[in-house]
Amino acid sequence: MTRRLVFLVILFTVSVNADPVLHKFEYWGKITPLEKLAFYWGWTNGFLVARGPRAVELANCLSDLSPDQSIAIIDKQYKEHPEKWSNPIGQQMLEALTTKGGACEGKNPLDSP
């Protein structure tokens, strides 16, 4: 189990620049809670670092949430929007965490300033 988790983290880390078609949101529903935690950590570290200063506001907001809360928010997005399962997983994680009415609303670093 630990080897699989380490592999998942490494795979996600090295694939940050990969074609997002390889990582569909559908994958979220196929992994264990522990793998979701590893995937979330890898995504936040990779995504937020890659975005630089524009991601500070989102990083600060996410630091106010526990990883379990963030994963629950992503789980909710997954369960309520099966039509988005074919979309890139990172895009849907970001959408879930910055959704209107959510704790990090308006903090999407990809939105125009």
Protein backbone atom coordinates (compact mmCIF):
# COMPACT_ATOMS: atom_id res chain seq x y z
CA MET A 1 0.00 0.00 0.00
CA THR A 2 2.77 2.44 0.90
CA ARG A 3 4.61 1.69 -2.35
CA ARG A 4 1.45 2.39 -4.31
CA LEU A 5 0.97 5.70 -2.50
CA VAL A 6 4.57 6.75 -3.11
CA PHE A 7 4.23 5.76 -6.76
CA LEU A 8 1.03 7.79 -7.09
CA VAL A 9 2.65 10.89 -5.59
CA ILE A 10 5.71 10.55 -7.82
CA LEU A 11 3.59 9.90 -10.88
CA PHE A 12 1.48 12.97 -10.25
CA THR A 13 4.51 15.14 -9.48
CA VAL A 14 6.33 14.25 -12.69
CA SER A 15 3.19 14.54 -14.79
CA VAL A 16 2.31 18.13 -13.91
CA ASN A 17 3.26 19.17 -17.45
CA ALA A 18 1.64 16.13 -19.04
CA ASP A 19 -1.32 16.27 -21.34
CA PRO A 20 -4.30 16.69 -18.99
CA VAL A 21 -6.32 14.23 -21.06
CA LEU A 22 -4.35 11.50 -19.30
CA HIS A 23 -5.79 12.50 -15.92
CA LYS A 24 -9.54 12.70 -16.07
CA PHE A 25 -11.74 13.60 -13.11
CA GLU A 26 -13.24 10.13 -13.40
CA TYR A 27 -10.05 8.86 -11.72
CA TRP A 28 -11.05 10.59 -8.45
CA GLY A 29 -13.86 8.10 -7.92
CA LYS A 30 -11.57 5.11 -8.38
CA ILE A 31 -8.97 5.82 -5.70
CA THR A 32 -8.96 5.18 -1.97
CA PRO A 33 -9.21 7.92 0.67
CA LEU A 34 -5.48 7.63 1.36
CA GLU A 35 -4.70 7.93 -2.35
CA LYS A 36 -7.00 10.96 -2.54
CA LEU A 37 -4.99 12.57 0.25
CA ALA A 38 -1.72 11.90 -1.57
CA PHE A 39 -3.17 13.12 -4.85
CA TYR A 40 -4.50 16.29 -3.16
CA TRP A 41 -1.12 17.03 -1.57
CA GLY A 42 0.67 16.45 -4.85
CA TRP A 43 -1.79 18.62 -6.75
CA THR A 44 -1.68 21.51 -4.27
CA ASN A 45 2.10 21.46 -4.07
CA GLY A 46 2.57 21.19 -7.83
CA PHE A 47 -0.23 23.53 -8.88
CA LEU A 48 0.35 26.25 -6.31
CA VAL A 49 4.11 26.32 -6.78
CA ALA A 50 3.74 26.45 -10.56
CA ARG A 51 1.38 29.44 -10.32
CA GLY A 52 3.74 31.53 -8.19
CA PRO A 53 2.46 34.75 -6.61
CA ARG A 54 -1.00 34.46 -8.17
CA ALA A 55 -1.61 31.31 -6.10
CA VAL A 56 -0.75 32.78 -2.69
CA GLU A 57 -4.33 33.78 -1.96
CA LEU A 58 -5.61 30.29 -2.76
CA ALA A 59 -2.78 28.66 -0.80
CA ASN A 60 -3.63 30.76 2.24
CA CYS A 61 -7.29 29.86 1.94
CA LEU A 62 -6.58 26.15 1.57
CA SER A 63 -4.32 26.27 4.62
CA ASP A 64 -7.41 27.26 6.64
CA LEU A 65 -9.13 24.02 5.57
CA SER A 66 -8.09 20.59 6.73
CA PRO A 67 -7.12 18.16 3.98
CA ASP A 68 -10.23 16.13 4.91
CA GLN A 69 -12.41 19.20 4.30
CA SER A 70 -10.79 19.86 0.94
CA ILE A 71 -11.19 16.23 -0.09
CA ALA A 72 -14.85 16.32 0.97
CA ILE A 73 -15.36 19.39 -1.22
CA ILE A 74 -13.78 17.62 -4.19
CA ASP A 75 -15.83 14.48 -3.44
CA LYS A 76 -18.98 16.61 -3.54
CA GLN A 77 -18.00 18.05 -6.94
CA TYR A 78 -17.33 14.52 -8.20
CA LYS A 79 -20.65 13.11 -6.97
CA GLU A 80 -22.79 16.05 -8.11
CA HIS A 81 -21.24 16.48 -11.56
CA PRO A 82 -20.74 13.17 -13.37
CA GLU A 83 -20.96 15.11 -16.64
CA LYS A 84 -17.53 16.57 -15.76
CA TRP A 85 -15.76 13.23 -15.20
CA SER A 86 -14.14 13.44 -18.64
CA ASN A 87 -12.62 16.85 -17.82
CA PRO A 88 -9.03 17.20 -16.56
CA ILE A 89 -8.82 16.24 -12.89
CA GLY A 90 -6.78 19.30 -11.88
CA GLN A 91 -9.29 21.62 -13.49
CA GLN A 92 -12.16 20.02 -11.59
CA MET A 93 -10.29 20.04 -8.28
CA LEU A 94 -9.63 23.74 -8.75
CA GLU A 95 -13.23 24.38 -9.71
CA ALA A 96 -14.48 22.48 -6.66
CA LEU A 97 -12.20 24.31 -4.24
CA THR A 98 -12.95 27.79 -5.62
CA THR A 99 -16.64 27.35 -6.34
CA LYS A 100 -19.13 30.13 -5.73
CA GLY A 101 -20.30 30.07 -2.14
CA GLY A 102 -17.31 27.98 -1.03
CA ALA A 103 -14.57 28.87 1.42
CA CYS A 104 -12.12 29.83 -1.35
CA GLU A 105 -14.58 31.50 -3.71
CA GLY A 106 -12.93 33.95 -6.09
CA LYS A 107 -9.40 32.73 -5.36
CA ASN A 108 -8.82 30.81 -8.58
CA PRO A 109 -5.37 31.93 -9.74
CA LEU A 110 -6.29 31.14 -13.35
CA ASP A 111 -9.10 33.69 -13.42
CA SER A 112 -8.27 37.08 -14.88
CA PRO A 113 -7.35 39.62 -12.19
